[in-house]
């Protein structure tokens, strides 16, 4: 299993979702993609998009104004 980290802090929609999708395309089944960001709307959009693709959201952590979404490919 590989972990792919995507840092989108300071970026606004649609950049975090686009970067997340790029990482998911590179990931093999079983890999974990971790997206870190600050844009509030992306924190909601990324999990919805992943669930519509049939991917598992392992967790969403939030600290101060930053969030981290862990996705299993």
PDB file of N, CA and C in Angstrom:
ATOM      1  N   UNK A   1       0.841  -1.190   0.000  1.00  0.00           N
ATOM      2  CA  UNK A   1       0.000   0.000   0.000  1.00  0.00           C
ATOM      3  C   UNK A   1       0.881   1.246   0.000  1.00  0.00           C
ATOM      4  N   UNK A   2       0.527   2.185  -0.823  1.00  0.00           N
ATOM      5  CA  UNK A   2       1.241   3.451  -0.927  1.00  0.00           C
ATOM      6  C   UNK A   2       0.341   4.570  -0.418  1.00  0.00           C
ATOM      7  N   UNK A   3       0.954   5.591   0.158  1.00  0.00           N
ATOM      8  CA  UNK A   3       0.215   6.774   0.578  1.00  0.00           C
ATOM      9  C   UNK A   3       0.625   7.930  -0.324  1.00  0.00           C
ATOM     10  N   UNK A   4      -0.376   8.577  -0.915  1.00  0.00           N
ATOM     11  CA  UNK A   4      -0.127   9.738  -1.765  1.00  0.00           C
ATOM     12  C   UNK A   4      -0.697  10.959  -1.047  1.00  0.00           C
ATOM     13  N   UNK A   5       0.154  11.957  -0.821  1.00  0.00           N
ATOM     14  CA  UNK A   5      -0.298  13.161  -0.128  1.00  0.00           C
ATOM     15  C   UNK A   5      -0.453  14.309  -1.118  1.00  0.00           C
ATOM     16  N   UNK A   6      -1.567  15.024  -0.993  1.00  0.00           N
ATOM     17  CA  UNK A   6      -1.872  16.154  -1.862  1.00  0.00           C
ATOM     18  C   UNK A   6      -2.095  17.372  -0.969  1.00  0.00           C
ATOM     19  N   UNK A   7      -1.295  18.407  -1.170  1.00  0.00           N
ATOM     20  CA  UNK A   7      -1.407  19.629  -0.359  1.00  0.00           C
ATOM     21  C   UNK A   7      -2.082  20.710  -1.198  1.00  0.00           C
ATOM     22  N   UNK A   8      -3.307  21.064  -0.823  1.00  0.00           N
ATOM     23  CA  UNK A   8      -4.040  22.113  -1.542  1.00  0.00           C
ATOM     24  C   UNK A   8      -4.325  23.309  -0.640  1.00  0.00           C
ATOM     25  N   UNK A   9      -3.551  23.459   0.417  1.00  0.00           N
ATOM     26  CA  UNK A   9      -3.762  24.593   1.319  1.00  0.00           C
ATOM     27  C   UNK A   9      -3.625  25.901   0.557  1.00  0.00           C
ATOM     28  N   UNK A  10      -4.580  26.795   0.770  1.00  0.00           N
ATOM     29  CA  UNK A  10      -4.570  28.095   0.113  1.00  0.00           C
ATOM     30  C   UNK A  10      -5.252  28.103  -1.248  1.00  0.00           C
ATOM     31  N   UNK A  11      -5.614  26.930  -1.758  1.00  0.00           N
ATOM     32  CA  UNK A  11      -6.286  26.839  -3.056  1.00  0.00           C
ATOM     33  C   UNK A  11      -7.799  26.843  -2.858  1.00  0.00           C
ATOM     34  N   UNK A  12      -8.519  27.385  -3.853  1.00  0.00           N
ATOM     35  CA  UNK A  12      -9.975  27.384  -3.787  1.00  0.00           C
ATOM     36  C   UNK A  12     -10.521  26.474  -4.882  1.00  0.00           C
ATOM     37  N   UNK A  13     -11.819  26.214  -4.817  1.00  0.00           N
ATOM     38  CA  UNK A  13     -12.479  25.355  -5.806  1.00  0.00           C
ATOM     39  C   UNK A  13     -12.220  25.888  -7.199  1.00  0.00           C
ATOM     40  N   UNK A  14     -12.016  25.024  -8.136  1.00  0.00           N
ATOM     41  CA  UNK A  14     -12.095  23.561  -8.090  1.00  0.00           C
ATOM     42  C   UNK A  14     -10.746  22.880  -7.904  1.00  0.00           C
ATOM     43  N   UNK A  15      -9.681  23.644  -7.606  1.00  0.00           N
ATOM     44  CA  UNK A  15      -8.323  23.080  -7.552  1.00  0.00           C
ATOM     45  C   UNK A  15      -8.207  21.884  -6.597  1.00  0.00           C
ATOM     46  N   UNK A  16      -8.680  21.953  -5.345  1.00  0.00           N
ATOM     47  CA  UNK A  16      -8.523  20.784  -4.463  1.00  0.00           C
ATOM     48  C   UNK A  16      -9.166  19.510  -5.022  1.00  0.00           C
ATOM     49  N   UNK A  17     -10.350  19.628  -5.599  1.00  0.00           N
ATOM     50  CA  UNK A  17     -11.021  18.452  -6.160  1.00  0.00           C
ATOM     51  C   UNK A  17     -10.273  17.933  -7.384  1.00  0.00           C
ATOM     52  N   UNK A  18      -9.793  18.822  -8.238  1.00  0.00           N
ATOM     53  CA  UNK A  18      -9.037  18.413  -9.429  1.00  0.00           C
ATOM     54  C   UNK A  18      -7.755  17.690  -9.027  1.00  0.00           C
ATOM     55  N   UNK A  19      -7.033  18.242  -8.052  1.00  0.00           N
ATOM     56  CA  UNK A  19      -5.791  17.609  -7.587  1.00  0.00           C
ATOM     57  C   UNK A  19      -6.069  16.260  -6.927  1.00  0.00           C
ATOM     58  N   UNK A  20      -7.168  16.177  -6.202  1.00  0.00           N
ATOM     59  CA  UNK A  20      -7.563  14.916  -5.577  1.00  0.00           C
ATOM     60  C   UNK A  20      -7.824  13.860  -6.652  1.00  0.00           C
ATOM     61  N   UNK A  21      -8.555  14.221  -7.682  1.00  0.00           N
ATOM     62  CA  UNK A  21      -8.857  13.275  -8.770  1.00  0.00           C
ATOM     63  C   UNK A  21      -7.590  12.822  -9.485  1.00  0.00           C
ATOM     64  N   UNK A  22      -6.640  13.738  -9.691  1.00  0.00           N
ATOM     65  CA  UNK A  22      -5.361  13.369 -10.326  1.00  0.00           C
ATOM     66  C   UNK A  22      -4.647  12.319  -9.485  1.00  0.00           C
ATOM     67  N   UNK A  23      -4.600  12.547  -8.172  1.00  0.00           N
ATOM     68  CA  UNK A  23      -3.921  11.608  -7.271  1.00  0.00           C
ATOM     69  C   UNK A  23      -4.633  10.254  -7.272  1.00  0.00           C
ATOM     70  N   UNK A  24      -5.963  10.271  -7.303  1.00  0.00           N
ATOM     71  CA  UNK A  24      -6.716   9.017  -7.302  1.00  0.00           C
ATOM     72  C   UNK A  24      -6.480   8.229  -8.584  1.00  0.00           C
ATOM     73  N   UNK A  25      -6.292   8.916  -9.699  1.00  0.00           N
ATOM     74  CA  UNK A  25      -6.002   8.220 -10.965  1.00  0.00           C
ATOM     75  C   UNK A  25      -4.645   7.522 -10.903  1.00  0.00           C
ATOM     76  N   UNK A  26      -3.675   8.139 -10.206  1.00  0.00           N
ATOM     77  CA  UNK A  26      -2.334   7.562 -10.076  1.00  0.00           C
ATOM     78  C   UNK A  26      -2.316   6.411  -9.070  1.00  0.00           C
ATOM     79  N   UNK A  27      -3.226   6.437  -8.119  1.00  0.00           N
ATOM     80  CA  UNK A  27      -3.231   5.460  -7.026  1.00  0.00           C
ATOM     81  C   UNK A  27      -3.690   4.094  -7.523  1.00  0.00           C
ATOM     82  N   UNK A  28      -3.099   3.060  -6.928  1.00  0.00           N
ATOM     83  CA  UNK A  28      -3.503   1.684  -7.211  1.00  0.00           C
ATOM     84  C   UNK A  28      -4.575   1.284  -6.200  1.00  0.00           C
ATOM     85  N   UNK A  29      -5.375   0.264  -6.520  1.00  0.00           N
ATOM     86  CA  UNK A  29      -6.356  -0.208  -5.534  1.00  0.00           C
ATOM     87  C   UNK A  29      -5.662  -0.558  -4.209  1.00  0.00           C
ATOM     88  N   UNK A  30      -6.243  -0.074  -3.109  1.00  0.00           N
ATOM     89  CA  UNK A  30      -5.663  -0.300  -1.786  1.00  0.00           C
ATOM     90  C   UNK A  30      -4.805   0.854  -1.302  1.00  0.00           C
ATOM     91  N   UNK A  31      -4.379   1.739  -2.207  1.00  0.00           N
ATOM     92  CA  UNK A  31      -3.576   2.897  -1.812  1.00  0.00           C
ATOM     93  C   UNK A  31      -4.439   3.900  -1.057  1.00  0.00           C
ATOM     94  N   UNK A  32      -3.765   4.757  -0.308  1.00  0.00           N
ATOM     95  CA  UNK A  32      -4.457   5.807   0.444  1.00  0.00           C
ATOM     96  C   UNK A  32      -4.037   7.161  -0.099  1.00  0.00           C
ATOM     97  N   UNK A  33      -5.015   8.021  -0.335  1.00  0.00           N
ATOM     98  CA  UNK A  33      -4.754   9.387  -0.777  1.00  0.00           C
ATOM     99  C   UNK A  33      -5.167  10.311   0.364  1.00  0.00           C
ATOM    100  N   UNK A  34      -4.255  11.186   0.762  1.00  0.00           N
ATOM    101  CA  UNK A  34      -4.534  12.144   1.832  1.00  0.00           C
ATOM    102  C   UNK A  34      -4.496  13.540   1.232  1.00  0.00           C
ATOM    103  N   UNK A  35      -5.633  14.229   1.307  1.00  0.00           N
ATOM    104  CA  UNK A  35      -5.738  15.581   0.759  1.00  0.00           C
ATOM    105  C   UNK A  35      -5.817  16.555   1.929  1.00  0.00           C
ATOM    106  N   UNK A  36      -4.914  17.531   1.953  1.00  0.00           N
ATOM    107  CA  UNK A  36      -4.909  18.565   2.976  1.00  0.00           C
ATOM    108  C   UNK A  36      -5.300  19.883   2.324  1.00  0.00           C
ATOM    109  N   UNK A  37      -6.178  20.637   2.983  1.00  0.00           N
ATOM    110  CA  UNK A  37      -6.608  21.895   2.404  1.00  0.00           C
ATOM    111  C   UNK A  37      -7.182  22.846   3.427  1.00  0.00           C
ATOM    112  N   UNK A  38      -7.606  24.007   2.924  1.00  0.00           N
ATOM    113  CA  UNK A  38      -8.164  25.046   3.790  1.00  0.00           C
ATOM    114  C   UNK A  38      -9.504  25.569   3.285  1.00  0.00           C
ATOM    115  N   UNK A  39      -9.880  25.236   2.060  1.00  0.00           N
ATOM    116  CA  UNK A  39     -11.114  25.769   1.480  1.00  0.00           C
ATOM    117  C   UNK A  39     -12.318  25.001   2.023  1.00  0.00           C
ATOM    118  N   UNK A  40     -13.232  25.670   2.741  1.00  0.00           N
ATOM    119  CA  UNK A  40     -14.352  24.974   3.394  1.00  0.00           C
ATOM    120  C   UNK A  40     -15.250  24.191   2.436  1.00  0.00           C
ATOM    121  N   UNK A  41     -15.541  24.723   1.268  1.00  0.00           N
ATOM    122  CA  UNK A  41     -16.433  24.026   0.334  1.00  0.00           C
ATOM    123  C   UNK A  41     -15.805  22.730  -0.164  1.00  0.00           C
ATOM    124  N   UNK A  42     -14.497  22.727  -0.359  1.00  0.00           N
ATOM    125  CA  UNK A  42     -13.818  21.519  -0.843  1.00  0.00           C
ATOM    126  C   UNK A  42     -13.887  20.392   0.178  1.00  0.00           C
ATOM    127  N   UNK A  43     -13.924  20.762   1.458  1.00  0.00           N
ATOM    128  CA  UNK A  43     -14.021  19.741   2.519  1.00  0.00           C
ATOM    129  C   UNK A  43     -15.316  18.951   2.382  1.00  0.00           C
ATOM    130  N   UNK A  44     -16.348  19.565   1.824  1.00  0.00           N
ATOM    131  CA  UNK A  44     -17.624  18.874   1.610  1.00  0.00           C
ATOM    132  C   UNK A  44     -17.664  18.216   0.237  1.00  0.00           C
ATOM    133  N   UNK A  45     -17.121  18.889  -0.784  1.00  0.00           N
ATOM    134  CA  UNK A  45     -17.200  18.393  -2.164  1.00  0.00           C
ATOM    135  C   UNK A  45     -16.354  17.144  -2.392  1.00  0.00           C
ATOM    136  N   UNK A  46     -15.156  17.095  -1.830  1.00  0.00           N
ATOM    137  CA  UNK A  46     -14.265  15.956  -2.069  1.00  0.00           C
ATOM    138  C   UNK A  46     -14.880  14.653  -1.562  1.00  0.00           C
ATOM    139  N   UNK A  47     -15.374  14.594  -0.317  1.00  0.00           N
ATOM    140  CA  UNK A  47     -15.999  13.333   0.119  1.00  0.00           C
ATOM    141  C   UNK A  47     -17.216  12.934  -0.720  1.00  0.00           C
ATOM    142  N   UNK A  48     -18.035  13.912  -1.134  1.00  0.00           N
ATOM    143  CA  UNK A  48     -19.204  13.593  -1.968  1.00  0.00           C
ATOM    144  C   UNK A  48     -18.760  13.005  -3.307  1.00  0.00           C
ATOM    145  N   UNK A  49     -17.736  13.599  -3.908  1.00  0.00           N
ATOM    146  CA  UNK A  49     -17.232  13.103  -5.195  1.00  0.00           C
ATOM    147  C   UNK A  49     -16.649  11.704  -5.037  1.00  0.00           C
ATOM    148  N   UNK A  50     -15.908  11.477  -3.965  1.00  0.00           N
ATOM    149  CA  UNK A  50     -15.297  10.160  -3.739  1.00  0.00           C
ATOM    150  C   UNK A  50     -16.357   9.085  -3.518  1.00  0.00           C
ATOM    151  N   UNK A  51     -17.360   9.409  -2.747  1.00  0.00           N
ATOM    152  CA  UNK A  51     -18.423   8.444  -2.502  1.00  0.00           C
ATOM    153  C   UNK A  51     -19.180   8.131  -3.792  1.00  0.00           C
ATOM    154  N   UNK A  52     -19.361   9.124  -4.665  1.00  0.00           N
ATOM    155  CA  UNK A  52     -20.040   8.867  -5.933  1.00  0.00           C
ATOM    156  C   UNK A  52     -19.192   7.985  -6.849  1.00  0.00           C
ATOM    157  N   UNK A  53     -17.864   7.973  -6.626  1.00  0.00           N
ATOM    158  CA  UNK A  53     -16.966   7.107  -7.394  1.00  0.00           C
ATOM    159  C   UNK A  53     -16.816   5.733  -6.745  1.00  0.00           C
ATOM    160  N   UNK A  54     -17.506   5.531  -5.610  1.00  0.00           N
ATOM    161  CA  UNK A  54     -17.439   4.247  -4.922  1.00  0.00           C
ATOM    162  C   UNK A  54     -16.199   4.069  -4.073  1.00  0.00           C
ATOM    163  N   UNK A  55     -15.556   5.166  -3.699  1.00  0.00           N
ATOM    164  CA  UNK A  55     -14.347   5.103  -2.878  1.00  0.00           C
ATOM    165  C   UNK A  55     -14.695   5.298  -1.410  1.00  0.00           C
ATOM    166  N   UNK A  56     -13.835   4.774  -0.560  1.00  0.00           N
ATOM    167  CA  UNK A  56     -14.074   4.831   0.887  1.00  0.00           C
ATOM    168  C   UNK A  56     -13.355   6.032   1.508  1.00  0.00           C
ATOM    169  N   UNK A  57     -14.110   6.818   2.277  1.00  0.00           N
ATOM    170  CA  UNK A  57     -13.518   7.905   3.051  1.00  0.00           C
ATOM    171  C   UNK A  57     -13.110   7.302   4.394  1.00  0.00           C
ATOM    172  N   UNK A  58     -11.807   7.255   4.650  1.00  0.00           N
ATOM    173  CA  UNK A  58     -11.310   6.669   5.900  1.00  0.00           C
ATOM    174  C   UNK A  58     -11.531   7.626   7.058  1.00  0.00           C
ATOM    175  N   UNK A  59     -11.360   8.918   6.797  1.00  0.00           N
ATOM    176  CA  UNK A  59     -11.555   9.886   7.871  1.00  0.00           C
ATOM    177  C   UNK A  59     -11.371  11.311   7.391  1.00  0.00           C
ATOM    178  N   UNK A  60     -11.966  12.213   8.153  1.00  0.00           N
ATOM    179  CA  UNK A  60     -11.808  13.653   7.904  1.00  0.00           C
ATOM    180  C   UNK A  60     -11.399  14.276   9.230  1.00  0.00           C
ATOM    181  N   UNK A  61     -10.206  14.830   9.260  1.00  0.00           N
ATOM    182  CA  UNK A  61      -9.703  15.481  10.465  1.00  0.00           C
ATOM    183  C   UNK A  61      -9.652  16.969  10.212  1.00  0.00           C
ATOM    184  N   UNK A  62      -9.966  17.722  11.251  1.00  0.00           N
ATOM    185  CA  UNK A  62      -9.930  19.181  11.114  1.00  0.00           C
ATOM    186  C   UNK A  62      -9.221  19.768  12.322  1.00  0.00           C
ATOM    187  N   UNK A  63      -8.290  20.688  12.035  1.00  0.00           N
ATOM    188  CA  UNK A  63      -7.573  21.376  13.103  1.00  0.00           C
ATOM    189  C   UNK A  63      -7.392  22.821  12.676  1.00  0.00           C
ATOM    190  N   UNK A  64      -7.869  23.741  13.506  1.00  0.00           N
ATOM    191  CA  UNK A  64      -7.877  25.164  13.177  1.00  0.00           C
ATOM    192  C   UNK A  64      -8.626  25.349  11.856  1.00  0.00           C
ATOM    193  N   UNK A  65      -8.002  25.947  10.857  1.00  0.00           N
ATOM    194  CA  UNK A  65      -8.675  26.172   9.572  1.00  0.00           C
ATOM    195  C   UNK A  65      -8.270  25.149   8.521  1.00  0.00           C
ATOM    196  N   UNK A  66      -7.531  24.113   8.916  1.00  0.00           N
ATOM    197  CA  UNK A  66      -7.072  23.096   7.978  1.00  0.00           C
ATOM    198  C   UNK A  66      -7.843  21.804   8.152  1.00  0.00           C
ATOM    199  N   UNK A  67      -8.052  21.112   7.043  1.00  0.00           N
ATOM    200  CA  UNK A  67      -8.685  19.804   7.094  1.00  0.00           C
ATOM    201  C   UNK A  67      -7.820  18.810   6.333  1.00  0.00           C
ATOM    202  N   UNK A  68      -7.999  17.546   6.684  1.00  0.00           N
ATOM    203  CA  UNK A  68      -7.265  16.465   6.042  1.00  0.00           C
ATOM    204  C   UNK A  68      -8.259  15.344   5.787  1.00  0.00           C
ATOM    205  N   UNK A  69      -8.396  14.951   4.513  1.00  0.00           N
ATOM    206  CA  UNK A  69      -9.331  13.898   4.131  1.00  0.00           C
ATOM    207  C   UNK A  69      -8.510  12.678   3.691  1.00  0.00           C
ATOM    208  N   UNK A  70      -8.791  11.533   4.310  1.00  0.00           N
ATOM    209  CA  UNK A  70      -8.095  10.293   3.964  1.00  0.00           C
ATOM    210  C   UNK A  70      -9.053   9.423   3.149  1.00  0.00           C
ATOM    211  N   UNK A  71      -8.602   9.026   1.957  1.00  0.00           N
ATOM    212  CA  UNK A  71      -9.422   8.282   1.017  1.00  0.00           C
ATOM    213  C   UNK A  71      -8.716   6.974   0.667  1.00  0.00           C
ATOM    214  N   UNK A  72      -9.453   5.886   0.697  1.00  0.00           N
ATOM    215  CA  UNK A  72      -8.893   4.606   0.275  1.00  0.00           C
ATOM    216  C   UNK A  72      -9.322   4.330  -1.151  1.00  0.00           C
ATOM    217  N   UNK A  73      -8.365   4.061  -2.021  1.00  0.00           N
ATOM    218  CA  UNK A  73      -8.648   3.812  -3.437  1.00  0.00           C
ATOM    219  C   UNK A  73      -9.137   2.392  -3.601  1.00  0.00           C
TER     220      UNK A  73
END
